[in-house]
Amino acid sequence: MTYSSTLAMGRQQGVSRGQNSVSFRVTDKRLGPVSNTIVLIVLACLLGLLYLTQVTKTNAYGYQINGLQQQQSKLQQQHEDLSVASAREQSLDRVANSATAQSMTPVAPSGSVN
């Protein structure tokens, strides 16, 4: 036997005498209906957990944003109060130093009523 004939014999896929023909068949492996159902349930649970983690993160950020908005509104109110107080302080100085106020004469009390 030559080398090429040995290779040709190795390539034969037929069934010869004394061999079990069933062991040479390729079997197609598939999941059954119960396994498919279990896999689908597990996937649905994983998707549910993913959804819940995303919703929880969103709610946590919402609480932070709400706290920052409340802090911003308090600071704006404080700024407005300080602006009003500053305007009052400056207005008294302006009135006292104005030309109209300088030209006025002070009035002494004339008497008291009993």
PDB file of N, CA and C in Angstrom:
ATOM      1  N   MET A   1       0.821  -1.160   0.000  1.00  0.00           N
ATOM      2  CA  MET A   1       0.000   0.000   0.000  1.00  0.00           C
ATOM      3  C   MET A   1       0.875   1.236   0.000  1.00  0.00           C
ATOM      4  N   THR A   2       0.471   2.147  -0.807  1.00  0.00           N
ATOM      5  CA  THR A   2       1.231   3.381  -0.890  1.00  0.00           C
ATOM      6  C   THR A   2       0.650   4.406   0.076  1.00  0.00           C
ATOM      7  N   TYR A   3       1.358   5.516   0.169  1.00  0.00           N
ATOM      8  CA  TYR A   3       0.938   6.578   1.080  1.00  0.00           C
ATOM      9  C   TYR A   3      -0.407   7.157   0.671  1.00  0.00           C
ATOM     10  N   SER A   4      -0.611   7.337  -0.631  1.00  0.00           N
ATOM     11  CA  SER A   4      -1.868   7.924  -1.099  1.00  0.00           C
ATOM     12  C   SER A   4      -3.042   6.986  -0.878  1.00  0.00           C
ATOM     13  N   SER A   5      -2.848   5.704  -1.004  1.00  0.00           N
ATOM     14  CA  SER A   5      -3.953   4.778  -0.771  1.00  0.00           C
ATOM     15  C   SER A   5      -4.278   4.691   0.719  1.00  0.00           C
ATOM     16  N   THR A   6      -3.303   4.873   1.594  1.00  0.00           N
ATOM     17  CA  THR A   6      -3.559   4.877   3.029  1.00  0.00           C
ATOM     18  C   THR A   6      -4.394   6.095   3.411  1.00  0.00           C
ATOM     19  N   LEU A   7      -4.069   7.236   2.819  1.00  0.00           N
ATOM     20  CA  LEU A   7      -4.855   8.440   3.073  1.00  0.00           C
ATOM     21  C   LEU A   7      -6.270   8.285   2.547  1.00  0.00           C
ATOM     22  N   ALA A   8      -6.422   7.665   1.416  1.00  0.00           N
ATOM     23  CA  ALA A   8      -7.741   7.480   0.832  1.00  0.00           C
ATOM     24  C   ALA A   8      -8.578   6.568   1.703  1.00  0.00           C
ATOM     25  N   MET A   9      -7.979   5.565   2.316  1.00  0.00           N
ATOM     26  CA  MET A   9      -8.735   4.665   3.185  1.00  0.00           C
ATOM     27  C   MET A   9      -9.163   5.380   4.462  1.00  0.00           C
ATOM     28  N   GLY A  10      -8.317   6.314   4.923  1.00  0.00           N
ATOM     29  CA  GLY A  10      -8.665   7.073   6.124  1.00  0.00           C
ATOM     30  C   GLY A  10      -9.822   8.019   5.883  1.00  0.00           C
ATOM     31  N   ARG A  11     -10.047   8.400   4.668  1.00  0.00           N
ATOM     32  CA  ARG A  11     -11.123   9.321   4.338  1.00  0.00           C
ATOM     33  C   ARG A  11     -12.450   8.638   4.127  1.00  0.00           C
ATOM     34  N   GLN A  12     -12.466   7.370   4.044  1.00  0.00           N
ATOM     35  CA  GLN A  12     -13.724   6.657   3.816  1.00  0.00           C
ATOM     36  C   GLN A  12     -14.605   6.788   5.049  1.00  0.00           C
ATOM     37  N   GLN A  13     -15.861   7.103   4.804  1.00  0.00           N
ATOM     38  CA  GLN A  13     -16.780   7.271   5.910  1.00  0.00           C
ATOM     39  C   GLN A  13     -17.871   6.208   5.911  1.00  0.00           C
ATOM     40  N   GLY A  14     -17.740   5.271   5.122  1.00  0.00           N
ATOM     41  CA  GLY A  14     -18.725   4.203   5.066  1.00  0.00           C
ATOM     42  C   GLY A  14     -18.594   3.285   6.267  1.00  0.00           C
ATOM     43  N   VAL A  15     -19.560   2.450   6.439  1.00  0.00           N
ATOM     44  CA  VAL A  15     -19.573   1.512   7.552  1.00  0.00           C
ATOM     45  C   VAL A  15     -19.025   0.191   7.034  1.00  0.00           C
ATOM     46  N   SER A  16     -18.045  -0.301   7.704  1.00  0.00           N
ATOM     47  CA  SER A  16     -17.496  -1.599   7.305  1.00  0.00           C
ATOM     48  C   SER A  16     -17.951  -2.655   8.300  1.00  0.00           C
ATOM     49  N   ARG A  17     -17.572  -3.838   8.042  1.00  0.00           N
ATOM     50  CA  ARG A  17     -18.020  -4.977   8.819  1.00  0.00           C
ATOM     51  C   ARG A  17     -17.493  -4.921  10.257  1.00  0.00           C
ATOM     52  N   GLY A  18     -18.372  -5.173  11.228  1.00  0.00           N
ATOM     53  CA  GLY A  18     -17.985  -5.209  12.622  1.00  0.00           C
ATOM     54  C   GLY A  18     -18.002  -3.848  13.313  1.00  0.00           C
ATOM     55  N   GLN A  19     -18.462  -2.836  12.640  1.00  0.00           N
ATOM     56  CA  GLN A  19     -18.519  -1.518  13.258  1.00  0.00           C
ATOM     57  C   GLN A  19     -19.973  -1.141  13.503  1.00  0.00           C
ATOM     58  N   ASN A  20     -20.191  -0.403  14.548  1.00  0.00           N
ATOM     59  CA  ASN A  20     -21.528   0.070  14.876  1.00  0.00           C
ATOM     60  C   ASN A  20     -21.810   1.329  14.062  1.00  0.00           C
ATOM     61  N   SER A  21     -22.809   1.282  13.235  1.00  0.00           N
ATOM     62  CA  SER A  21     -23.093   2.417  12.356  1.00  0.00           C
ATOM     63  C   SER A  21     -23.742   3.585  13.092  1.00  0.00           C
ATOM     64  N   VAL A  22     -24.353   3.348  14.232  1.00  0.00           N
ATOM     65  CA  VAL A  22     -25.034   4.414  14.969  1.00  0.00           C
ATOM     66  C   VAL A  22     -24.027   5.381  15.577  1.00  0.00           C
ATOM     67  N   SER A  23     -22.872   4.911  16.003  1.00  0.00           N
ATOM     68  CA  SER A  23     -21.904   5.766  16.672  1.00  0.00           C
ATOM     69  C   SER A  23     -21.276   6.772  15.723  1.00  0.00           C
ATOM     70  N   PHE A  24     -21.398   6.602  14.444  1.00  0.00           N
ATOM     71  CA  PHE A  24     -20.805   7.518  13.492  1.00  0.00           C
ATOM     72  C   PHE A  24     -21.757   8.609  13.046  1.00  0.00           C
ATOM     73  N   ARG A  25     -22.983   8.552  13.448  1.00  0.00           N
ATOM     74  CA  ARG A  25     -23.945   9.579  13.048  1.00  0.00           C
ATOM     75  C   ARG A  25     -23.785  10.811  13.928  1.00  0.00           C
ATOM     76  N   VAL A  26     -23.938  11.959  13.320  1.00  0.00           N
ATOM     77  CA  VAL A  26     -23.866  13.218  14.053  1.00  0.00           C
ATOM     78  C   VAL A  26     -25.254  13.513  14.598  1.00  0.00           C
ATOM     79  N   THR A  27     -25.331  13.690  15.881  1.00  0.00           N
ATOM     80  CA  THR A  27     -26.633  13.972  16.474  1.00  0.00           C
ATOM     81  C   THR A  27     -26.775  15.484  16.674  1.00  0.00           C
ATOM     82  N   ASP A  28     -27.971  15.978  16.480  1.00  0.00           N
ATOM     83  CA  ASP A  28     -28.267  17.398  16.642  1.00  0.00           C
ATOM     84  C   ASP A  28     -28.773  17.618  18.065  1.00  0.00           C
ATOM     85  N   LYS A  29     -28.061  18.442  18.826  1.00  0.00           N
ATOM     86  CA  LYS A  29     -28.441  18.657  20.219  1.00  0.00           C
ATOM     87  C   LYS A  29     -29.320  19.899  20.301  1.00  0.00           C
ATOM     88  N   ARG A  30     -30.445  19.748  20.960  1.00  0.00           N
ATOM     89  CA  ARG A  30     -31.384  20.847  21.159  1.00  0.00           C
ATOM     90  C   ARG A  30     -31.869  20.836  22.588  1.00  0.00           C
ATOM     91  N   LEU A  31     -32.328  21.993  23.014  1.00  0.00           N
ATOM     92  CA  LEU A  31     -32.914  22.087  24.345  1.00  0.00           C
ATOM     93  C   LEU A  31     -34.380  21.702  24.276  1.00  0.00           C
ATOM     94  N   GLY A  32     -34.857  21.117  25.327  1.00  0.00           N
ATOM     95  CA  GLY A  32     -36.257  20.729  25.378  1.00  0.00           C
ATOM     96  C   GLY A  32     -37.135  21.901  25.779  1.00  0.00           C
ATOM     97  N   PRO A  33     -38.441  21.712  25.799  1.00  0.00           N
ATOM     98  CA  PRO A  33     -39.355  22.807  26.132  1.00  0.00           C
ATOM     99  C   PRO A  33     -39.210  23.280  27.579  1.00  0.00           C
ATOM    100  N   VAL A  34     -38.893  22.391  28.502  1.00  0.00           N
ATOM    101  CA  VAL A  34     -38.711  22.796  29.900  1.00  0.00           C
ATOM    102  C   VAL A  34     -37.454  23.640  30.035  1.00  0.00           C
ATOM    103  N   SER A  35     -36.375  23.229  29.380  1.00  0.00           N
ATOM    104  CA  SER A  35     -35.128  23.984  29.433  1.00  0.00           C
ATOM    105  C   SER A  35     -35.305  25.360  28.805  1.00  0.00           C
ATOM    106  N   ASN A  36     -36.019  25.422  27.678  1.00  0.00           N
ATOM    107  CA  ASN A  36     -36.282  26.718  27.051  1.00  0.00           C
ATOM    108  C   ASN A  36     -37.061  27.633  27.980  1.00  0.00           C
ATOM    109  N   THR A  37     -38.051  27.083  28.671  1.00  0.00           N
ATOM    110  CA  THR A  37     -38.855  27.885  29.591  1.00  0.00           C
ATOM    111  C   THR A  37     -38.003  28.400  30.737  1.00  0.00           C
ATOM    112  N   ILE A  38     -37.156  27.559  31.280  1.00  0.00           N
ATOM    113  CA  ILE A  38     -36.288  27.973  32.385  1.00  0.00           C
ATOM    114  C   ILE A  38     -35.327  29.065  31.934  1.00  0.00           C
ATOM    115  N   VAL A  39     -34.742  28.904  30.759  1.00  0.00           N
ATOM    116  CA  VAL A  39     -33.820  29.913  30.231  1.00  0.00           C
ATOM    117  C   VAL A  39     -34.546  31.236  30.028  1.00  0.00           C
ATOM    118  N   LEU A  40     -35.761  31.214  29.509  1.00  0.00           N
ATOM    119  CA  LEU A  40     -36.518  32.443  29.303  1.00  0.00           C
ATOM    120  C   LEU A  40     -36.874  33.120  30.626  1.00  0.00           C
ATOM    121  N   ILE A  41     -37.205  32.327  31.633  1.00  0.00           N
ATOM    122  CA  ILE A  41     -37.524  32.897  32.947  1.00  0.00           C
ATOM    123  C   ILE A  41     -36.295  33.554  33.562  1.00  0.00           C
ATOM    124  N   VAL A  42     -35.139  32.902  33.445  1.00  0.00           N
ATOM    125  CA  VAL A  42     -33.900  33.467  33.983  1.00  0.00           C
ATOM    126  C   VAL A  42     -33.559  34.768  33.259  1.00  0.00           C
ATOM    127  N   LEU A  43     -33.711  34.804  31.939  1.00  0.00           N
ATOM    128  CA  LEU A  43     -33.436  36.023  31.186  1.00  0.00           C
ATOM    129  C   LEU A  43     -34.390  37.148  31.579  1.00  0.00           C
ATOM    130  N   ALA A  44     -35.663  36.827  31.786  1.00  0.00           N
ATOM    131  CA  ALA A  44     -36.632  37.843  32.204  1.00  0.00           C
ATOM    132  C   ALA A  44     -36.277  38.387  33.584  1.00  0.00           C
ATOM    133  N   CYS A  45     -35.818  37.521  34.491  1.00  0.00           N
ATOM    134  CA  CYS A  45     -35.407  37.976  35.819  1.00  0.00           C
ATOM    135  C   CYS A  45     -34.190  38.893  35.729  1.00  0.00           C
ATOM    136  N   LEU A  46     -33.236  38.545  34.882  1.00  0.00           N
ATOM    137  CA  LEU A  46     -32.056  39.393  34.715  1.00  0.00           C
ATOM    138  C   LEU A  46     -32.429  40.759  34.145  1.00  0.00           C
ATOM    139  N   LEU A  47     -33.323  40.781  33.166  1.00  0.00           N
ATOM    140  CA  LEU A  47     -33.768  42.061  32.614  1.00  0.00           C
ATOM    141  C   LEU A  47     -34.514  42.882  33.664  1.00  0.00           C
ATOM    142  N   GLY A  48     -35.306  42.222  34.494  1.00  0.00           N
ATOM    143  CA  GLY A  48     -36.008  42.925  35.570  1.00  0.00           C
ATOM    144  C   GLY A  48     -35.045  43.536  36.569  1.00  0.00           C
ATOM    145  N   LEU A  49     -34.000  42.796  36.940  1.00  0.00           N
ATOM    146  CA  LEU A  49     -33.000  43.337  37.858  1.00  0.00           C
ATOM    147  C   LEU A  49     -32.255  44.512  37.250  1.00  0.00           C
ATOM    148  N   LEU A  50     -31.934  44.417  35.980  1.00  0.00           N
ATOM    149  CA  LEU A  50     -31.267  45.524  35.292  1.00  0.00           C
ATOM    150  C   LEU A  50     -32.152  46.765  35.295  1.00  0.00           C
ATOM    151  N   TYR A  51     -33.429  46.581  35.022  1.00  0.00           N
ATOM    152  CA  TYR A  51     -34.377  47.698  35.027  1.00  0.00           C
ATOM    153  C   TYR A  51     -34.466  48.327  36.417  1.00  0.00           C
ATOM    154  N   LEU A  52     -34.553  47.487  37.454  1.00  0.00           N
ATOM    155  CA  LEU A  52     -34.665  48.020  38.811  1.00  0.00           C
ATOM    156  C   LEU A  52     -33.420  48.791  39.233  1.00  0.00           C
ATOM    157  N   THR A  53     -32.240  48.327  38.844  1.00  0.00           N
ATOM    158  CA  THR A  53     -31.026  49.066  39.200  1.00  0.00           C
ATOM    159  C   THR A  53     -30.998  50.422  38.511  1.00  0.00           C
ATOM    160  N   GLN A  54     -31.438  50.476  37.264  1.00  0.00           N
ATOM    161  CA  GLN A  54     -31.454  51.753  36.556  1.00  0.00           C
ATOM    162  C   GLN A  54     -32.461  52.718  37.173  1.00  0.00           C
ATOM    163  N   VAL A  55     -33.625  52.212  37.553  1.00  0.00           N
ATOM    164  CA  VAL A  55     -34.652  53.071  38.157  1.00  0.00           C
ATOM    165  C   VAL A  55     -34.172  53.591  39.505  1.00  0.00           C
ATOM    166  N   THR A  56     -33.488  52.752  40.280  1.00  0.00           N
ATOM    167  CA  THR A  56     -33.001  53.181  41.589  1.00  0.00           C
ATOM    168  C   THR A  56     -31.943  54.258  41.441  1.00  0.00           C
ATOM    169  N   LYS A  57     -31.063  54.113  40.461  1.00  0.00           N
ATOM    170  CA  LYS A  57     -30.051  55.142  40.224  1.00  0.00           C
ATOM    171  C   LYS A  57     -30.716  56.448  39.828  1.00  0.00           C
ATOM    172  N   THR A  58     -31.720  56.377  38.978  1.00  0.00           N
ATOM    173  CA  THR A  58     -32.419  57.579  38.540  1.00  0.00           C
ATOM    174  C   THR A  58     -33.090  58.268  39.717  1.00  0.00           C
ATOM    175  N   ASN A  59     -33.716  57.492  40.610  1.00  0.00           N
ATOM    176  CA  ASN A  59     -34.354  58.086  41.781  1.00  0.00           C
ATOM    177  C   ASN A  59     -33.332  58.725  42.704  1.00  0.00           C
ATOM    178  N   ALA A  60     -32.184  58.106  42.856  1.00  0.00           N
ATOM    179  CA  ALA A  60     -31.139  58.679  43.711  1.00  0.00           C
ATOM    180  C   ALA A  60     -30.673  60.012  43.151  1.00  0.00           C
ATOM    181  N   TYR A  61     -30.487  60.081  41.837  1.00  0.00           N
ATOM    182  CA  TYR A  61     -30.096  61.351  41.233  1.00  0.00           C
ATOM    183  C   TYR A  61     -31.215  62.377  41.368  1.00  0.00           C
ATOM    184  N   GLY A  62     -32.461  61.925  41.314  1.00  0.00           N
ATOM    185  CA  GLY A  62     -33.593  62.840  41.477  1.00  0.00           C
ATOM    186  C   GLY A  62     -33.604  63.471  42.858  1.00  0.00           C
ATOM    187  N   TYR A  63     -33.278  62.679  43.892  1.00  0.00           N
ATOM    188  CA  TYR A  63     -33.217  63.231  45.244  1.00  0.00           C
ATOM    189  C   TYR A  63     -32.105  64.258  45.361  1.00  0.00           C
ATOM    190  N   GLN A  64     -30.966  63.993  44.749  1.00  0.00           N
ATOM    191  CA  GLN A  64     -29.861  64.952  44.784  1.00  0.00           C
ATOM    192  C   GLN A  64     -30.247  66.243  44.079  1.00  0.00           C
ATOM    193  N   ILE A  65     -30.887  66.121  42.929  1.00  0.00           N
ATOM    194  CA  ILE A  65     -31.296  67.305  42.174  1.00  0.00           C
ATOM    195  C   ILE A  65     -32.319  68.103  42.961  1.00  0.00           C
ATOM    196  N   ASN A  66     -33.257  67.420  43.601  1.00  0.00           N
ATOM    197  CA  ASN A  66     -34.274  68.104  44.396  1.00  0.00           C
ATOM    198  C   ASN A  66     -33.624  68.860  45.558  1.00  0.00           C
ATOM    199  N   GLY A  67     -32.669  68.252  46.230  1.00  0.00           N
ATOM    200  CA  GLY A  67     -31.971  68.921  47.323  1.00  0.00           C
ATOM    201  C   GLY A  67     -31.208  70.149  46.850  1.00  0.00           C
ATOM    202  N   LEU A  68     -30.559  70.025  45.699  1.00  0.00           N
ATOM    203  CA  LEU A  68     -29.818  71.169  45.152  1.00  0.00           C
ATOM    204  C   LEU A  68     -30.761  72.293  44.718  1.00  0.00           C
ATOM    205  N   GLN A  69     -31.930  71.951  44.200  1.00  0.00           N
ATOM    206  CA  GLN A  69     -32.895  72.980  43.809  1.00  0.00           C
ATOM    207  C   GLN A  69     -33.434  73.705  45.037  1.00  0.00           C
ATOM    208  N   GLN A  70     -33.687  72.981  46.121  1.00  0.00           N
ATOM    209  CA  GLN A  70     -34.140  73.631  47.349  1.00  0.00           C
ATOM    210  C   GLN A  70     -33.065  74.551  47.906  1.00  0.00           C
ATOM    211  N   GLN A  71     -31.828  74.105  47.862  1.00  0.00           N
ATOM    212  CA  GLN A  71     -30.722  74.944  48.329  1.00  0.00           C
ATOM    213  C   GLN A  71     -30.595  76.191  47.461  1.00  0.00           C
ATOM    214  N   GLN A  72     -30.792  76.049  46.158  1.00  0.00           N
ATOM    215  CA  GLN A  72     -30.713  77.179  45.256  1.00  0.00           C
ATOM    216  C   GLN A  72     -31.815  78.189  45.564  1.00  0.00           C
ATOM    217  N   SER A  73     -33.029  77.717  45.802  1.00  0.00           N
ATOM    218  CA  SER A  73     -34.133  78.642  46.098  1.00  0.00           C
ATOM    219  C   SER A  73     -33.898  79.370  47.420  1.00  0.00           C
ATOM    220  N   LYS A  74     -33.332  78.669  48.434  1.00  0.00           N
ATOM    221  CA  LYS A  74     -33.018  79.335  49.698  1.00  0.00           C
ATOM    222  C   LYS A  74     -31.962  80.417  49.505  1.00  0.00           C
ATOM    223  N   LEU A  75     -30.941  80.099  48.709  1.00  0.00           N
ATOM    224  CA  LEU A  75     -29.884  81.081  48.461  1.00  0.00           C
ATOM    225  C   LEU A  75     -30.403  82.280  47.667  1.00  0.00           C
ATOM    226  N   GLN A  76     -31.310  82.044  46.727  1.00  0.00           N
ATOM    227  CA  GLN A  76     -31.895  83.156  45.979  1.00  0.00           C
ATOM    228  C   GLN A  76     -32.719  84.051  46.900  1.00  0.00           C
ATOM    229  N   GLN A  77     -33.484  83.452  47.804  1.00  0.00           N
ATOM    230  CA  GLN A  77     -34.281  84.230  48.748  1.00  0.00           C
ATOM    231  C   GLN A  77     -33.375  85.041  49.667  1.00  0.00           C
ATOM    232  N   GLN A  78     -32.293  84.429  50.121  1.00  0.00           N
ATOM    233  CA  GLN A  78     -31.342  85.132  50.978  1.00  0.00           C
ATOM    234  C   GLN A  78     -30.690  86.288  50.219  1.00  0.00           C
ATOM    235  N   HIS A  79     -30.378  86.071  48.952  1.00  0.00           N
ATOM    236  CA  HIS A  79     -29.784  87.134  48.129  1.00  0.00           C
ATOM    237  C   HIS A  79     -30.752  88.302  47.965  1.00  0.00           C
ATOM    238  N   GLU A  80     -32.042  87.999  47.735  1.00  0.00           N
ATOM    239  CA  GLU A  80     -33.031  89.055  47.600  1.00  0.00           C
ATOM    240  C   GLU A  80     -33.184  89.835  48.901  1.00  0.00           C
ATOM    241  N   ASP A  81     -33.183  89.140  50.035  1.00  0.00           N
ATOM    242  CA  ASP A  81     -33.284  89.814  51.330  1.00  0.00           C
ATOM    243  C   ASP A  81     -32.090  90.726  51.576  1.00  0.00           C
ATOM    244  N   LEU A  82     -30.900  90.243  51.230  1.00  0.00           N
ATOM    245  CA  LEU A  82     -29.706  91.062  51.406  1.00  0.00           C
ATOM    246  C   LEU A  82     -29.701  92.263  50.458  1.00  0.00           C
ATOM    247  N   SER A  83     -30.224  92.093  49.264  1.00  0.00           N
ATOM    248  CA  SER A  83     -30.304  93.211  48.318  1.00  0.00           C
ATOM    249  C   SER A  83     -31.241  94.291  48.842  1.00  0.00           C
ATOM    250  N   VAL A  84     -32.369  93.883  49.421  1.00  0.00           N
ATOM    251  CA  VAL A  84     -33.321  94.849  49.978  1.00  0.00           C
ATOM    252  C   VAL A  84     -32.704  95.573  51.170  1.00  0.00           C
ATOM    253  N   ALA A  85     -32.016  94.846  52.049  1.00  0.00           N
ATOM    254  CA  ALA A  85     -31.370  95.469  53.209  1.00  0.00           C
ATOM    255  C   ALA A  85     -30.288  96.447  52.766  1.00  0.00           C
ATOM    256  N   SER A  86     -29.532  96.087  51.754  1.00  0.00           N
ATOM    257  CA  SER A  86     -28.490  96.972  51.237  1.00  0.00           C
ATOM    258  C   SER A  86     -29.097  98.235  50.649  1.00  0.00           C
ATOM    259  N   ALA A  87     -30.185  98.097  49.917  1.00  0.00           N
ATOM    260  CA  ALA A  87     -30.850  99.271  49.335  1.00  0.00           C
ATOM    261  C   ALA A  87     -31.380 100.188  50.427  1.00  0.00           C
ATOM    262  N   ARG A  88     -31.905  99.648  51.516  1.00  0.00           N
ATOM    263  CA  ARG A  88     -32.403 100.473  52.629  1.00  0.00           C
ATOM    264  C   ARG A  88     -31.260 101.251  53.276  1.00  0.00           C
ATOM    265  N   GLU A  89     -30.149 100.585  53.518  1.00  0.00           N
ATOM    266  CA  GLU A  89     -29.003 101.258  54.136  1.00  0.00           C
ATOM    267  C   GLU A  89     -28.475 102.379  53.252  1.00  0.00           C
ATOM    268  N   GLN A  90     -28.389 102.108  51.971  1.00  0.00           N
ATOM    269  CA  GLN A  90     -27.866 103.124  51.052  1.00  0.00           C
ATOM    270  C   GLN A  90     -28.846 104.279  50.873  1.00  0.00           C
ATOM    271  N   SER A  91     -30.141 104.005  50.940  1.00  0.00           N
ATOM    272  CA  SER A  91     -31.126 105.069  50.728  1.00  0.00           C
ATOM    273  C   SER A  91     -31.104 106.074  51.876  1.00  0.00           C
ATOM    274  N   LEU A  92     -30.897 105.644  53.112  1.00  0.00           N
ATOM    275  CA  LEU A  92     -30.821 106.582  54.230  1.00  0.00           C
ATOM    276  C   LEU A  92     -29.634 107.525  54.087  1.00  0.00           C
ATOM    277  N   ASP A  93     -28.497 106.992  53.652  1.00  0.00           N
ATOM    278  CA  ASP A  93     -27.324 107.843  53.445  1.00  0.00           C
ATOM    279  C   ASP A  93     -27.551 108.818  52.299  1.00  0.00           C
ATOM    280  N   ARG A  94     -28.189 108.378  51.244  1.00  0.00           N
ATOM    281  CA  ARG A  94     -28.446 109.264  50.096  1.00  0.00           C
ATOM    282  C   ARG A  94     -29.394 110.395  50.465  1.00  0.00           C
ATOM    283  N   VAL A  95     -30.430 110.078  51.232  1.00  0.00           N
ATOM    284  CA  VAL A  95     -31.395 111.110  51.620  1.00  0.00           C
ATOM    285  C   VAL A  95     -30.739 112.124  52.539  1.00  0.00           C
ATOM    286  N   ALA A  96     -29.917 111.635  53.476  1.00  0.00           N
ATOM    287  CA  ALA A  96     -29.278 112.566  54.429  1.00  0.00           C
ATOM    288  C   ALA A  96     -28.266 113.470  53.733  1.00  0.00           C
ATOM    289  N   ASN A  97     -27.625 112.999  52.700  1.00  0.00           N
ATOM    290  CA  ASN A  97     -26.590 113.780  52.016  1.00  0.00           C
ATOM    291  C   ASN A  97     -27.111 114.507  50.780  1.00  0.00           C
ATOM    292  N   SER A  98     -28.386 114.409  50.484  1.00  0.00           N
ATOM    293  CA  SER A  98     -28.899 115.052  49.277  1.00  0.00           C
ATOM    294  C   SER A  98     -28.965 116.565  49.460  1.00  0.00           C
ATOM    295  N   ALA A  99     -29.023 117.319  48.356  1.00  0.00           N
ATOM    296  CA  ALA A  99     -29.086 118.783  48.387  1.00  0.00           C
ATOM    297  C   ALA A  99     -30.387 119.266  49.005  1.00  0.00           C
ATOM    298  N   THR A 100     -31.470 118.564  48.774  1.00  0.00           N
ATOM    299  CA  THR A 100     -32.762 118.954  49.333  1.00  0.00           C
ATOM    300  C   THR A 100     -32.740 118.841  50.851  1.00  0.00           C
ATOM    301  N   ALA A 101     -32.149 117.780  51.349  1.00  0.00           N
ATOM    302  CA  ALA A 101     -32.084 117.601  52.802  1.00  0.00           C
ATOM    303  C   ALA A 101     -31.154 118.607  53.442  1.00  0.00           C
ATOM    304  N   GLN A 102     -30.122 119.021  52.743  1.00  0.00           N
ATOM    305  CA  GLN A 102     -29.181 120.008  53.287  1.00  0.00           C
ATOM    306  C   GLN A 102     -29.815 121.393  53.361  1.00  0.00           C
ATOM    307  N   SER A 103     -30.719 121.687  52.452  1.00  0.00           N
ATOM    308  CA  SER A 103     -31.341 123.015  52.441  1.00  0.00           C
ATOM    309  C   SER A 103     -32.486 123.144  53.440  1.00  0.00           C
ATOM    310  N   MET A 104     -32.936 122.075  54.016  1.00  0.00           N
ATOM    311  CA  MET A 104     -34.018 122.133  55.001  1.00  0.00           C
ATOM    312  C   MET A 104     -33.495 122.646  56.338  1.00  0.00           C
ATOM    313  N   THR A 105     -34.382 123.310  57.070  1.00  0.00           N
ATOM    314  CA  THR A 105     -34.001 123.824  58.397  1.00  0.00           C
ATOM    315  C   THR A 105     -34.579 122.903  59.455  1.00  0.00           C
ATOM    316  N   PRO A 106     -33.842 122.707  60.502  1.00  0.00           N
ATOM    317  CA  PRO A 106     -34.374 121.833  61.553  1.00  0.00           C
ATOM    318  C   PRO A 106     -35.499 122.537  62.307  1.00  0.00           C
ATOM    319  N   VAL A 107     -36.457 121.798  62.736  1.00  0.00           N
ATOM    320  CA  VAL A 107     -37.621 122.350  63.440  1.00  0.00           C
ATOM    321  C   VAL A 107     -37.483 121.957  64.912  1.00  0.00           C
ATOM    322  N   ALA A 108     -37.596 122.993  65.761  1.00  0.00           N
ATOM    323  CA  ALA A 108     -37.541 122.725  67.211  1.00  0.00           C
ATOM    324  C   ALA A 108     -38.981 122.555  67.692  1.00  0.00           C
ATOM    325  N   PRO A 109     -39.204 121.732  68.679  1.00  0.00           N
ATOM    326  CA  PRO A 109     -40.544 121.587  69.188  1.00  0.00           C
ATOM    327  C   PRO A 109     -41.024 122.891  69.839  1.00  0.00           C
ATOM    328  N   SER A 110     -42.226 123.292  69.538  1.00  0.00           N
ATOM    329  CA  SER A 110     -42.748 124.573  70.054  1.00  0.00           C
ATOM    330  C   SER A 110     -43.332 124.450  71.437  1.00  0.00           C
ATOM    331  N   GLY A 111     -43.748 123.273  71.778  1.00  0.00           N
ATOM    332  CA  GLY A 111     -44.308 123.114  73.106  1.00  0.00           C
ATOM    333  C   GLY A 111     -44.984 121.777  73.199  1.00  0.00           C
ATOM    334  N   SER A 112     -45.548 121.511  74.341  1.00  0.00           N
ATOM    335  CA  SER A 112     -46.224 120.258  74.521  1.00  0.00           C
ATOM    336  C   SER A 112     -47.648 120.494  74.934  1.00  0.00           C
ATOM    337  N   VAL A 113     -48.519 119.619  74.617  1.00  0.00           N
ATOM    338  CA  VAL A 113     -49.937 119.715  74.938  1.00  0.00           C
ATOM    339  C   VAL A 113     -50.171 118.864  76.177  1.00  0.00           C
ATOM    340  N   ASN A 114     -50.872 119.522  77.140  1.00  0.00           N
ATOM    341  CA  ASN A 114     -51.166 118.787  78.361  1.00  0.00           C
ATOM    342  C   ASN A 114     -52.483 118.102  78.312  1.00  0.00           C
TER     343      ASN A 114
END
